[in-house]
C-alpha atoms as a PDB file:
ATOM      1  CA  MET A   1     172.197  29.125  84.730  1.00  0.00           C
ATOM      2  CA  GLU A   2     169.151  31.005  85.937  1.00  0.00           C
ATOM      3  CA  ILE A   3     170.310  30.743  89.477  1.00  0.00           C
ATOM      4  CA  TRP A   4     174.171  31.306  89.087  1.00  0.00           C
ATOM      5  CA  THR A   5     173.652  34.398  86.901  1.00  0.00           C
ATOM      6  CA  THR A   6     171.666  36.368  89.597  1.00  0.00           C
ATOM      7  CA  PRO A   7     173.688  38.872  91.593  1.00  0.00           C
ATOM      8  CA  HIS A   8     173.531  36.771  94.838  1.00  0.00           C
ATOM      9  CA  GLY A   9     173.857  33.477  92.922  1.00  0.00           C
ATOM     10  CA  PHE A  10     176.821  34.708  90.982  1.00  0.00           C
ATOM     11  CA  LEU A  11     178.781  35.769  94.221  1.00  0.00           C
ATOM     12  CA  LYS A  12     177.902  32.372  96.013  1.00  0.00           C
ATOM     13  CA  ALA A  13     178.939  30.420  93.021  1.00  0.00           C
ATOM     14  CA  ALA A  14     182.097  32.505  92.740  1.00  0.00           C
ATOM     15  CA  ALA A  15     182.964  31.882  96.280  1.00  0.00           C
ATOM     16  CA  ALA A  16     182.429  28.098  95.980  1.00  0.00           C
ATOM     17  CA  ASN A  17     184.328  27.519  92.624  1.00  0.00           C
ATOM     18  CA  ASN A  18     187.759  29.239  93.163  1.00  0.00           C
ATOM     19  CA  ALA A  19     187.119  32.337  91.218  1.00  0.00           C
ATOM     20  CA  THR A  20     189.683  34.633  89.953  1.00  0.00           C
ATOM     21  CA  SER A  21     189.421  38.454  90.294  1.00  0.00           C
ATOM     22  CA  GLN A  22     191.363  41.209  88.394  1.00  0.00           C
ATOM     23  CA  PRO A  23     190.908  45.005  88.479  1.00  0.00           C
ATOM     24  CA  SER A  24     188.648  46.473  85.778  1.00  0.00           C
ATOM     25  CA  ASN A  25     187.647  49.998  85.206  1.00  0.00           C
ATOM     26  CA  GLY A  26     187.455  51.005  88.832  1.00  0.00           C
ATOM     27  CA  GLY A  27     185.746  47.680  89.762  1.00  0.00           C
ATOM     28  CA  SER A  28     186.650  44.030  89.136  1.00  0.00           C
ATOM     29  CA  GLU A  29     186.096  41.132  86.794  1.00  0.00           C
ATOM     30  CA  VAL A  30     185.427  37.831  88.355  1.00  0.00           C
ATOM     31  CA  ILE A  31     185.655  34.545  86.540  1.00  0.00           C
ATOM     32  CA  PHE A  32     185.096  30.898  87.422  1.00  0.00           C
ATOM     33  CA  THR A  33     184.015  27.609  85.755  1.00  0.00           C
ATOM     34  CA  MET A  34     181.682  25.071  87.031  1.00  0.00           C
ATOM     35  CA  ALA A  35     179.863  22.046  85.830  1.00  0.00           C
ATOM     36  CA  GLY A  36     182.750  20.961  83.443  1.00  0.00           C
ATOM     37  CA  ASN A  37     183.427  23.729  80.950  1.00  0.00           C
ATOM     38  CA  HIS A  38     180.720  26.324  81.761  1.00  0.00           C
ATOM     39  CA  LYS A  39     182.475  29.617  82.270  1.00  0.00           C
ATOM     40  CA  TYR A  40     180.908  32.690  84.242  1.00  0.00           C
ATOM     41  CA  VAL A  41     182.296  36.176  83.905  1.00  0.00           C
ATOM     42  CA  GLY A  42     181.020  38.948  86.198  1.00  0.00           C
ATOM     43  CA  ARG A  43     181.611  42.666  86.288  1.00  0.00           C
ATOM     44  CA  ILE A  44     181.493  44.133  89.769  1.00  0.00           C
ATOM     45  CA  ASN A  45     181.563  47.941  90.036  1.00  0.00           C
ATOM     46  CA  ALA A  46     183.293  50.214  92.580  1.00  0.00           C
ATOM     47  CA  GLN A  47     180.243  50.014  94.780  1.00  0.00           C
ATOM     48  CA  ASN A  48     180.566  46.215  94.975  1.00  0.00           C
ATOM     49  CA  GLN A  49     177.448  45.754  92.743  1.00  0.00           C
ATOM     50  CA  VAL A  50     177.206  43.017  90.327  1.00  0.00           C
ATOM     51  CA  GLU A  51     176.538  45.017  87.031  1.00  0.00           C
ATOM     52  CA  ARG A  52     176.878  42.177  84.461  1.00  0.00           C
ATOM     53  CA  VAL A  53     177.096  38.416  84.245  1.00  0.00           C
ATOM     54  CA  GLN A  54     178.091  36.537  81.041  1.00  0.00           C
ATOM     55  CA  THR A  55     178.031  32.791  80.333  1.00  0.00           C
ATOM     56  CA  THR A  56     177.394  30.492  77.381  1.00  0.00           C
ATOM     57  CA  ILE A  57     174.730  27.662  77.118  1.00  0.00           C
ATOM     58  CA  ASP A  58     174.360  24.921  74.485  1.00  0.00           C
ATOM     59  CA  ASN A  59     171.487  24.885  71.992  1.00  0.00           C
ATOM     60  CA  PRO A  60     170.887  22.349  69.178  1.00  0.00           C
ATOM     61  CA  ILE A  61     170.507  25.090  66.571  1.00  0.00           C
ATOM     62  CA  LEU A  62     172.747  27.804  67.771  1.00  0.00           C
ATOM     63  CA  GLY A  63     175.538  25.777  69.314  1.00  0.00           C
ATOM     64  CA  ASP A  64     177.412  27.824  72.057  1.00  0.00           C
ATOM     65  CA  THR A  65     174.966  30.503  72.800  1.00  0.00           C
ATOM     66  CA  PRO A  66     176.099  33.603  74.681  1.00  0.00           C
ATOM     67  CA  VAL A  67     173.922  34.929  77.402  1.00  0.00           C
ATOM     68  CA  GLU A  68     174.317  38.245  79.224  1.00  0.00           C
ATOM     69  CA  ILE A  69     172.460  39.788  82.042  1.00  0.00           C
ATOM     70  CA  ALA A  70     172.826  43.419  82.993  1.00  0.00           C
ATOM     71  CA  TYR A  71     171.787  44.731  86.367  1.00  0.00           C
ATOM     72  CA  THR A  72     171.296  48.456  86.740  1.00  0.00           C
ATOM     73  CA  ASP A  73     169.592  51.066  88.929  1.00  0.00           C
ATOM     74  CA  TYR A  74     170.583  49.477  92.307  1.00  0.00           C
ATOM     75  CA  ARG A  75     168.326  50.873  95.150  1.00  0.00           C
ATOM     76  CA  ASP A  76     167.776  50.119  98.711  1.00  0.00           C
ATOM     77  CA  PHE A  77     164.485  48.124  98.941  1.00  0.00           C
ATOM     78  CA  GLY A  78     163.894  48.190 102.746  1.00  0.00           C
ATOM     79  CA  GLY A  79     167.431  47.359 103.658  1.00  0.00           C
ATOM     80  CA  VAL A  80     168.218  45.220 100.613  1.00  0.00           C
ATOM     81  CA  MET A  81     170.437  46.527  97.801  1.00  0.00           C
ATOM     82  CA  PHE A  82     168.837  45.142  94.581  1.00  0.00           C
ATOM     83  CA  PRO A  83     168.831  46.129  90.854  1.00  0.00           C
ATOM     84  CA  GLY A  84     165.935  48.101  89.739  1.00  0.00           C
ATOM     85  CA  ARG A  85     166.265  46.788  86.195  1.00  0.00           C
ATOM     86  CA  ILE A  86     167.332  43.389  84.826  1.00  0.00           C
ATOM     87  CA  VAL A  87     167.874  42.910  81.237  1.00  0.00           C
ATOM     88  CA  ARG A  88     168.889  39.701  79.601  1.00  0.00           C
ATOM     89  CA  THR A  89     170.102  38.937  75.918  1.00  0.00           C
ATOM     90  CA  GLN A  90     170.554  35.371  74.514  1.00  0.00           C
ATOM     91  CA  GLY A  91     172.232  34.714  71.190  1.00  0.00           C
ATOM     92  CA  GLY A  92     172.492  38.666  70.863  1.00  0.00           C
ATOM     93  CA  TYR A  93     168.733  39.114  71.135  1.00  0.00           C
ATOM     94  CA  PRO A  94     166.638  40.582  74.083  1.00  0.00           C
ATOM     95  CA  VAL A  95     164.618  37.872  75.815  1.00  0.00           C
ATOM     96  CA  LEU A  96     163.956  39.461  79.214  1.00  0.00           C
ATOM     97  CA  ASP A  97     163.512  43.015  80.514  1.00  0.00           C
ATOM     98  CA  ILE A  98     162.236  43.521  84.063  1.00  0.00           C
ATOM     99  CA  ALA A  99     161.549  46.611  86.034  1.00  0.00           C
ATOM    100  CA  VAL A 100     161.786  45.815  89.759  1.00  0.00           C
ATOM    101  CA  SER A 101     159.269  47.641  91.998  1.00  0.00           C
ATOM    102  CA  ASN A 102     159.461  45.631  95.259  1.00  0.00           C
ATOM    103  CA  VAL A 103     161.863  43.382  96.898  1.00  0.00           C
ATOM    104  CA  THR A 104     161.163  41.276 100.058  1.00  0.00           C
ATOM    105  CA  ALA A 105     164.169  39.682 101.763  1.00  0.00           C
ATOM    106  CA  ASN A 106     163.885  35.996 102.853  1.00  0.00           C
ATOM    107  CA  PRO A 107     159.984  35.658 102.816  1.00  0.00           C
ATOM    108  CA  ALA A 108     158.500  32.454 104.099  1.00  0.00           C
ATOM    109  CA  VAL A 109     158.336  30.032 101.249  1.00  0.00           C
ATOM    110  CA  ASP A 110     156.772  26.505 101.422  1.00  0.00           C
ATOM    111  CA  ILE A 111     156.775  24.957  97.945  1.00  0.00           C
ATOM    112  CA  ALA A 112     156.073  21.194  97.851  1.00  0.00           C
ATOM    113  CA  VAL A 113     157.842  19.593  94.989  1.00  0.00           C
ATOM    114  CA  PRO A 114     155.350  17.214  93.258  1.00  0.00           C
ATOM    115  CA  GLU A 115     156.545  13.563  93.342  1.00  0.00           C
ATOM    116  CA  SER A 116     156.372  13.456  89.562  1.00  0.00           C
ATOM    117  CA  VAL A 117     158.958  16.161  89.503  1.00  0.00           C
ATOM    118  CA  ARG A 118     161.094  14.767  92.334  1.00  0.00           C
ATOM    119  CA  ALA A 119     161.207  11.192  90.690  1.00  0.00           C
ATOM    120  CA  PHE A 120     161.456  12.486  87.122  1.00  0.00           C
ATOM    121  CA  THR A 121     163.873  10.858  84.777  1.00  0.00           C
ATOM    122  CA  PRO A 122     164.056  11.653  81.062  1.00  0.00           C
ATOM    123  CA  PRO A 123     162.084   9.200  79.125  1.00  0.00           C
ATOM    124  CA  ALA A 124     163.848   7.000  76.588  1.00  0.00           C
ATOM    125  CA  VAL A 125     163.433   8.072  72.951  1.00  0.00           C
ATOM    126  CA  THR A 126     160.902   5.825  71.259  1.00  0.00           C
ATOM    127  CA  VAL A 127     160.159   5.565  67.555  1.00  0.00           C
ATOM    128  CA  GLU A 128     157.157   3.769  66.033  1.00  0.00           C
ATOM    129  CA  MET A 129     156.409   3.258  62.391  1.00  0.00           C
ATOM    130  CA  GLU A 130     152.800   3.280  61.153  1.00  0.00           C
ATOM    131  CA  LYS A 131     152.264   2.501  57.458  1.00  0.00           C
ATOM    132  CA  LEU A 132     150.047   5.004  55.852  1.00  0.00           C
ATOM    133  CA  ALA A 133     150.207   3.804  52.303  1.00  0.00           C
ATOM    134  CA  ASP A 134     152.809   1.690  50.175  1.00  0.00           C
ATOM    135  CA  GLY A 135     156.130   3.144  51.059  1.00  0.00           C
ATOM    136  CA  VAL A 136     154.869   5.984  53.240  1.00  0.00           C
ATOM    137  CA  TYR A 137     155.259   5.711  57.100  1.00  0.00           C
ATOM    138  CA  TYR A 138     154.248   7.855  59.835  1.00  0.00           C
ATOM    139  CA  VAL A 139     157.254   7.944  62.263  1.00  0.00           C
ATOM    140  CA  LYS A 140     155.773   8.487  65.675  1.00  0.00           C
ATOM    141  CA  GLY A 141     156.858   8.506  69.324  1.00  0.00           C
ATOM    142  CA  GLY A 142     156.920  11.276  71.933  1.00  0.00           C
ATOM    143  CA  SER A 143     155.444  14.685  71.232  1.00  0.00           C
ATOM    144  CA  HIS A 144     156.919  15.158  67.780  1.00  0.00           C
ATOM    145  CA  HIS A 145     156.560  12.925  64.742  1.00  0.00           C
ATOM    146  CA  SER A 146     158.040  12.599  61.202  1.00  0.00           C
ATOM    147  CA  ILE A 147     157.143  11.008  57.826  1.00  0.00           C
ATOM    148  CA  ALA A 148     159.379   8.599  56.017  1.00  0.00           C
ATOM    149  CA  ILE A 149     158.898   8.080  52.191  1.00  0.00           C
ATOM    150  CA  ASP A 150     160.444   5.083  50.339  1.00  0.00           C
ATOM    151  CA  GLN A 151     161.510   6.257  46.929  1.00  0.00           C
ATOM    152  CA  ARG A 152     162.969   4.185  44.216  1.00  0.00           C
ATOM    153  CA  ASP A 153     166.574   4.616  45.114  1.00  0.00           C
ATOM    154  CA  HIS A 154     166.486   6.751  48.237  1.00  0.00           C
ATOM    155  CA  ILE A 155     164.533   7.885  51.304  1.00  0.00           C
ATOM    156  CA  VAL A 156     162.827  11.140  51.934  1.00  0.00           C
ATOM    157  CA  ILE A 157     162.118  12.212  55.600  1.00  0.00           C
ATOM    158  CA  VAL A 158     159.845  15.032  56.484  1.00  0.00           C
ATOM    159  CA  GLU A 159     160.769  16.915  59.699  1.00  0.00           C
ATOM    160  CA  GLY A 160     163.784  16.512  61.866  1.00  0.00           C
ATOM    161  CA  PRO A 161     162.483  17.770  65.279  1.00  0.00           C
ATOM    162  CA  GLN A 162     163.935  18.287  68.769  1.00  0.00           C
ATOM    163  CA  ASN A 163     167.538  17.174  68.831  1.00  0.00           C
ATOM    164  CA  GLU A 164     170.175  14.877  67.844  1.00  0.00           C
ATOM    165  CA  ALA A 165     169.019  12.062  70.091  1.00  0.00           C
ATOM    166  CA  ARG A 166     165.620  12.041  68.335  1.00  0.00           C
ATOM    167  CA  SER A 167     167.084  12.248  64.867  1.00  0.00           C
ATOM    168  CA  THR A 168     169.580   9.389  65.453  1.00  0.00           C
ATOM    169  CA  ALA A 169     166.765   7.168  66.810  1.00  0.00           C
ATOM    170  CA  VAL A 170     164.531   7.907  63.809  1.00  0.00           C
ATOM    171  CA  ILE A 171     167.352   7.435  61.321  1.00  0.00           C
ATOM    172  CA  ALA A 172     168.018   3.945  62.755  1.00  0.00           C
ATOM    173  CA  LYS A 173     164.389   2.995  62.748  1.00  0.00           C
ATOM    174  CA  VAL A 174     163.771   4.228  59.208  1.00  0.00           C
ATOM    175  CA  LYS A 175     166.890   2.346  57.863  1.00  0.00           C
ATOM    176  CA  ALA A 176     165.680  -0.815  59.563  1.00  0.00           C
ATOM    177  CA  THR A 177     162.284  -0.490  57.897  1.00  0.00           C
ATOM    178  CA  ILE A 178     163.674   0.653  54.592  1.00  0.00           C
ATOM    179  CA  PRO A 179     167.075  -0.985  54.235  1.00  0.00           C
ATOM    180  CA  ASP A 180     169.890  -0.448  51.743  1.00  0.00           C
ATOM    181  CA  LYS A 181     168.741   3.109  50.784  1.00  0.00           C
ATOM    182  CA  PRO A 182     170.346   6.438  51.665  1.00  0.00           C
ATOM    183  CA  ILE A 183     168.430   9.334  53.157  1.00  0.00           C
ATOM    184  CA  LYS A 184     168.654  11.724  50.321  1.00  0.00           C
ATOM    185  CA  TYR A 185     166.305  14.537  51.458  1.00  0.00           C
ATOM    186  CA  MET A 186     165.130  15.896  54.737  1.00  0.00           C
ATOM    187  CA  VAL A 187     162.041  18.353  54.286  1.00  0.00           C
ATOM    188  CA  ASN A 188     161.954  21.013  57.058  1.00  0.00           C
ATOM    189  CA  THR A 189     158.637  22.683  57.718  1.00  0.00           C
ATOM    190  CA  HIS A 190     159.947  25.699  59.630  1.00  0.00           C
ATOM    191  CA  VAL A 191     162.848  27.070  61.818  1.00  0.00           C
ATOM    192  CA  HIS A 192     161.170  26.969  65.247  1.00  0.00           C
ATOM    193  CA  PHE A 193     163.782  25.139  67.325  1.00  0.00           C
ATOM    194  CA  ASP A 194     161.537  22.189  68.250  1.00  0.00           C
ATOM    195  CA  HIS A 195     160.975  21.436  64.542  1.00  0.00           C
ATOM    196  CA  SER A 196     164.792  22.054  63.434  1.00  0.00           C
ATOM    197  CA  GLY A 197     166.700  20.913  66.401  1.00  0.00           C
ATOM    198  CA  GLY A 198     167.513  17.533  64.668  1.00  0.00           C
ATOM    199  CA  LEU A 199     168.496  18.774  61.262  1.00  0.00           C
ATOM    200  CA  ARG A 200     172.194  18.795  61.823  1.00  0.00           C
ATOM    201  CA  THR A 201     172.100  15.110  62.218  1.00  0.00           C
ATOM    202  CA  TYR A 202     170.595  14.622  58.890  1.00  0.00           C
ATOM    203  CA  VAL A 203     173.316  16.958  57.359  1.00  0.00           C
ATOM    204  CA  ASP A 204     175.871  14.623  58.912  1.00  0.00           C
ATOM    205  CA  GLU A 205     173.904  11.675  57.293  1.00  0.00           C
ATOM    206  CA  GLY A 206     174.392  13.266  53.953  1.00  0.00           C
ATOM    207  CA  ALA A 207     170.880  14.472  53.398  1.00  0.00           C
ATOM    208  CA  THR A 208     169.962  17.648  51.489  1.00  0.00           C
ATOM    209  CA  ILE A 209     167.797  19.963  53.506  1.00  0.00           C
ATOM    210  CA  VAL A 210     164.665  21.155  51.712  1.00  0.00           C
ATOM    211  CA  THR A 211     163.371  24.224  53.298  1.00  0.00           C
ATOM    212  CA  HIS A 212     161.936  27.717  52.557  1.00  0.00           C
ATOM    213  CA  ALA A 213     164.337  30.272  50.888  1.00  0.00           C
ATOM    214  CA  LEU A 214     164.054  32.474  53.885  1.00  0.00           C
ATOM    215  CA  ASN A 215     165.471  29.768  56.253  1.00  0.00           C
ATOM    216  CA  LYS A 216     168.738  28.883  54.539  1.00  0.00           C
ATOM    217  CA  PRO A 217     170.705  32.020  55.460  1.00  0.00           C
ATOM    218  CA  TYR A 218     169.558  31.536  59.076  1.00  0.00           C
ATOM    219  CA  TYR A 219     170.583  27.907  59.289  1.00  0.00           C
ATOM    220  CA  GLU A 220     174.033  28.801  57.613  1.00  0.00           C
ATOM    221  CA  LYS A 221     174.642  31.466  60.185  1.00  0.00           C
ATOM    222  CA  ALA A 222     173.503  29.489  63.117  1.00  0.00           C
ATOM    223  CA  TRP A 223     175.237  26.271  62.179  1.00  0.00           C
ATOM    224  CA  ALA A 224     178.605  28.244  61.881  1.00  0.00           C
ATOM    225  CA  ALA A 225     178.766  28.880  65.460  1.00  0.00           C
ATOM    226  CA  PRO A 226     181.241  26.895  67.635  1.00  0.00           C
ATOM    227  CA  ARG A 227     180.089  23.824  69.489  1.00  0.00           C
ATOM    228  CA  THR A 228     182.503  23.425  72.333  1.00  0.00           C
ATOM    229  CA  LEU A 229     180.004  22.789  75.167  1.00  0.00           C
ATOM    230  CA  ASN A 230     178.315  19.754  73.527  1.00  0.00           C
ATOM    231  CA  PRO A 231     179.872  18.807  70.156  1.00  0.00           C
ATOM    232  CA  ASP A 232     177.374  17.022  67.934  1.00  0.00           C
ATOM    233  CA  LEU A 233     177.830  14.595  65.032  1.00  0.00           C
ATOM    234  CA  LEU A 234     178.080  17.390  62.563  1.00  0.00           C
ATOM    235  CA  ALA A 235     180.591  19.390  64.588  1.00  0.00           C
ATOM    236  CA  LYS A 236     182.868  16.281  64.768  1.00  0.00           C
ATOM    237  CA  SER A 237     182.482  15.433  61.010  1.00  0.00           C
ATOM    238  CA  SER A 238     182.676  19.045  59.745  1.00  0.00           C
ATOM    239  CA  LYS A 239     180.518  18.088  56.757  1.00  0.00           C
ATOM    240  CA  THR A 240     179.048  20.960  54.648  1.00  0.00           C
ATOM    241  CA  ALA A 241     175.189  21.397  54.544  1.00  0.00           C
ATOM    242  CA  THR A 242     173.484  21.415  51.113  1.00  0.00           C
ATOM    243  CA  PHE A 243     170.045  22.951  50.621  1.00  0.00           C
ATOM    244  CA  GLU A 244     167.274  22.994  48.035  1.00  0.00           C
ATOM    245  CA  THR A 245     165.024  25.960  48.637  1.00  0.00           C
ATOM    246  CA  PHE A 246     161.694  27.129  47.519  1.00  0.00           C
ATOM    247  CA  THR A 247     159.344  30.144  47.854  1.00  0.00           C
ATOM    248  CA  ASP A 248     155.831  28.771  46.995  1.00  0.00           C
ATOM    249  CA  LYS A 249     156.191  25.284  45.820  1.00  0.00           C
ATOM    250  CA  HIS A 250     158.899  22.601  45.341  1.00  0.00           C
ATOM    251  CA  VAL A 251     158.785  19.126  43.990  1.00  0.00           C
ATOM    252  CA  LEU A 252     160.695  16.123  44.662  1.00  0.00           C
ATOM    253  CA  THR A 253     160.283  12.907  42.509  1.00  0.00           C
ATOM    254  CA  ASP A 254     161.966   9.671  41.778  1.00  0.00           C
ATOM    255  CA  GLY A 255     159.956   9.116  38.430  1.00  0.00           C
ATOM    256  CA  ARG A 256     157.203   7.228  40.185  1.00  0.00           C
ATOM    257  CA  ARG A 257     156.123   9.126  43.304  1.00  0.00           C
ATOM    258  CA  THR A 258     155.876  12.983  43.416  1.00  0.00           C
ATOM    259  CA  ILE A 259     156.223  14.845  46.742  1.00  0.00           C
ATOM    260  CA  GLU A 260     154.929  18.428  46.751  1.00  0.00           C
ATOM    261  CA  VAL A 261     156.160  20.930  49.249  1.00  0.00           C
ATOM    262  CA  HIS A 262     153.963  23.858  49.662  1.00  0.00           C
ATOM    263  CA  LEU A 263     154.302  27.238  51.373  1.00  0.00           C
ATOM    264  CA  ILE A 264     151.369  27.640  53.958  1.00  0.00           C
ATOM    265  CA  ALA A 265     150.758  31.249  52.941  1.00  0.00           C
ATOM    266  CA  GLY A 266     149.429  33.935  55.331  1.00  0.00           C
ATOM    267  CA  SER A 267     149.691  31.649  58.482  1.00  0.00           C
ATOM    268  CA  GLY A 268     151.220  34.114  60.892  1.00  0.00           C
ATOM    269  CA  HIS A 269     152.820  31.124  62.735  1.00  0.00           C
ATOM    270  CA  ASN A 270     156.120  31.372  60.590  1.00  0.00           C
ATOM    271  CA  ASP A 271     157.060  33.197  57.286  1.00  0.00           C
ATOM    272  CA  GLY A 272     158.713  30.162  55.872  1.00  0.00           C
ATOM    273  CA  PHE A 273     156.170  27.638  56.887  1.00  0.00           C
ATOM    274  CA  ALA A 274     155.765  24.518  54.774  1.00  0.00           C
ATOM    275  CA  MET A 275     153.353  21.646  54.271  1.00  0.00           C
ATOM    276  CA  VAL A 276     154.055  18.369  52.394  1.00  0.00           C
ATOM    277  CA  TYR A 277     151.500  16.791  49.944  1.00  0.00           C
ATOM    278  CA  LEU A 278     151.561  13.285  48.408  1.00  0.00           C
ATOM    279  CA  PRO A 279     149.118  13.639  45.457  1.00  0.00           C
ATOM    280  CA  THR A 280     148.904   9.899  44.569  1.00  0.00           C
ATOM    281  CA  GLU A 281     148.192   8.788  48.142  1.00  0.00           C
ATOM    282  CA  LYS A 282     146.386  12.085  49.007  1.00  0.00           C
ATOM    283  CA  ILE A 283     148.380  12.457  52.264  1.00  0.00           C
ATOM    284  CA  LEU A 284     149.053  15.786  53.752  1.00  0.00           C
ATOM    285  CA  ALA A 285     151.877  16.336  56.388  1.00  0.00           C
ATOM    286  CA  GLU A 286     151.752  19.399  58.460  1.00  0.00           C
ATOM    287  CA  VAL A 287     152.614  20.717  61.894  1.00  0.00           C
ATOM    288  CA  ASP A 288     151.747  23.447  64.226  1.00  0.00           C
ATOM    289  CA  ALA A 289     148.701  24.424  62.065  1.00  0.00           C
ATOM    290  CA  TYR A 290     146.455  21.623  63.152  1.00  0.00           C
ATOM    291  CA  ALA A 291     146.842  18.937  65.855  1.00  0.00           C
ATOM    292  CA  PRO A 292     143.839  16.617  65.881  1.00  0.00           C
ATOM    293  CA  PRO A 293     142.562  15.932  69.391  1.00  0.00           C
ATOM    294  CA  ALA A 294     142.375  12.442  70.739  1.00  0.00           C
ATOM    295  CA  GLY A 295     139.280  10.343  70.407  1.00  0.00           C
ATOM    296  CA  ASN A 296     135.960  12.070  70.213  1.00  0.00           C
ATOM    297  CA  ALA A 297     137.011  15.267  72.031  1.00  0.00           C
ATOM    298  CA  PRO A 298     134.674  18.271  71.193  1.00  0.00           C
ATOM    299  CA  PRO A 299     136.093  20.950  68.948  1.00  0.00           C
ATOM    300  CA  PRO A 300     137.360  24.099  70.524  1.00  0.00           C
ATOM    301  CA  ALA A 301     134.855  26.830  71.257  1.00  0.00           C
ATOM    302  CA  GLN A 302     137.002  29.328  69.143  1.00  0.00           C
ATOM    303  CA  PRO A 303     138.787  27.705  66.244  1.00  0.00           C
ATOM    304  CA  SER A 304     142.510  28.146  65.923  1.00  0.00           C
ATOM    305  CA  PRO A 305     143.364  30.732  63.317  1.00  0.00           C
ATOM    306  CA  PHE A 306     146.171  28.533  62.200  1.00  0.00           C
ATOM    307  CA  ALA A 307     143.834  25.543  61.542  1.00  0.00           C
ATOM    308  CA  VAL A 308     141.444  27.918  59.686  1.00  0.00           C
ATOM    309  CA  ASN A 309     144.465  29.178  57.641  1.00  0.00           C
ATOM    310  CA  LEU A 310     145.615  25.613  56.862  1.00  0.00           C
ATOM    311  CA  TYR A 311     141.952  24.698  55.481  1.00  0.00           C
ATOM    312  CA  GLU A 312     142.137  27.831  53.365  1.00  0.00           C
ATOM    313  CA  ASN A 313     145.503  26.998  51.910  1.00  0.00           C
ATOM    314  CA  ILE A 314     144.229  23.374  51.152  1.00  0.00           C
ATOM    315  CA  GLN A 315     141.312  24.887  49.320  1.00  0.00           C
ATOM    316  CA  ARG A 316     143.497  27.460  47.588  1.00  0.00           C
ATOM    317  CA  LEU A 317     145.802  24.928  46.226  1.00  0.00           C
ATOM    318  CA  LYS A 318     142.845  22.527  45.257  1.00  0.00           C
ATOM    319  CA  LEU A 319     144.589  19.615  47.198  1.00  0.00           C
ATOM    320  CA  ASP A 320     142.583  16.459  47.361  1.00  0.00           C
ATOM    321  CA  VAL A 321     143.520  15.321  50.963  1.00  0.00           C
ATOM    322  CA  ARG A 322     142.143  12.176  52.425  1.00  0.00           C
ATOM    323  CA  GLN A 323     144.621  11.730  55.348  1.00  0.00           C
ATOM    324  CA  ILE A 324     146.231  14.407  57.496  1.00  0.00           C
ATOM    325  CA  ALA A 325     149.416  13.232  59.156  1.00  0.00           C
ATOM    326  CA  ALA A 326     149.798  15.957  61.812  1.00  0.00           C
ATOM    327  CA  LEU A 327     153.298  15.834  63.187  1.00  0.00           C
ATOM    328  CA  HIS A 328     151.851  16.810  66.634  1.00  0.00           C
ATOM    329  CA  GLY A 329     148.925  14.776  68.112  1.00  0.00           C
ATOM    330  CA  PRO A 330     147.819  11.339  68.753  1.00  0.00           C
ATOM    331  CA  ARG A 331     146.454  10.276  65.342  1.00  0.00           C
ATOM    332  CA  VAL A 332     146.070  10.682  61.648  1.00  0.00           C
ATOM    333  CA  ALA A 333     143.008  12.793  60.809  1.00  0.00           C
ATOM    334  CA  THR A 334     140.708  13.373  57.814  1.00  0.00           C
ATOM    335  CA  MET A 335     139.454  16.442  56.198  1.00  0.00           C
ATOM    336  CA  ASN A 336     136.179  16.081  57.998  1.00  0.00           C
ATOM    337  CA  ASP A 337     138.031  16.113  61.082  1.00  0.00           C
ATOM    338  CA  LEU A 338     139.636  19.310  60.261  1.00  0.00           C
ATOM    339  CA  ARG A 339     136.447  20.868  59.126  1.00  0.00           C
ATOM    340  CA  ALA A 340     134.751  19.965  62.463  1.00  0.00           C
ATOM    341  CA  PHE A 341     137.782  21.400  64.316  1.00  0.00           C
ATOM    342  CA  ILE A 342     137.356  24.761  62.689  1.00  0.00           C
ATOM    343  CA  GLY A 343     133.553  24.823  62.762  1.00  0.00           C
ATOM    344  CA  GLN A 344     133.008  23.966  59.061  1.00  0.00           C
ATOM    345  CA  ARG A 345     130.281  21.536  57.745  1.00  0.00           C
ATOM    346  CA  ALA A 346     131.393  18.118  57.046  1.00  0.00           C
ATOM    347  CA  SER A 347     131.676  17.080  53.451  1.00  0.00           C
ATOM    348  CA  THR A 348     129.987  14.024  52.004  1.00  0.00           C
ATOM    349  CA  ASP A 349     132.495  13.595  49.301  1.00  0.00           C
END
């Protein structure tokens, strides 16, 4: 998409993909389709300059996401006609705004492609279950993790990251470990795409999404978008999402085990940012606030403000945390690990 939506890339792709052209406002509108069902529409003005290119890309959250690039202020840069300004919107929001000051035609370029890139194949989705306490599992694998909690007659999963492939694999592994129980709740920490890209899979599974009240209208609007480029399980089943929302605190219980969902107040990372605490097991699940480094790596010279804020929220809520199951990072940490990370003195408690 990055290549075919440039002015020169659009014209080359149009010529190679049987584009159609029709008059439009003194210029022309050029349309072609490539790579299956990816449609490109370009507006060319009376000066034969590409003014605008529109297409659609797939996104696990937003579905069919419109992309529009506008090219204005064409000038002669040393014999090359090129736009002086490039503005791109994605999903209706501005994501790129470039003022072009210089253009060099056909410069010498010698970029060696690293062998790791040349030979890259997407890794298989892996899921590993690490038992943290009776009925509590750290669902690891790759860069993003989850928590599975075995309740009396159902399962609660904390976090549905990345995409459908990840969520499908996690669901299968959790059900194999905790058989004959439905996944009743999916607790979502925040709306960032890498931590909400797999939520639709859990809606299709029949789970209720537990998330901050700020996030519900966003998900409802985003999930209503069409998904023609890459229909997922929810698009095929057309099931309706159900939500349980909170502002400061939410409690899930089966009568034996209590699960607390707390707002991480004042973080700055996200307004509807949550952490999950199991008071009996004294386990805290969180992500994007603190990721414990591997082994005995030294603490950062400047502590992360998100980690400092996490520590302050734990103190504010008087949570007795013994294990921190960070949903990024290589290992489960302790409160003393967090204290060392932010430059606090270790506790002897």
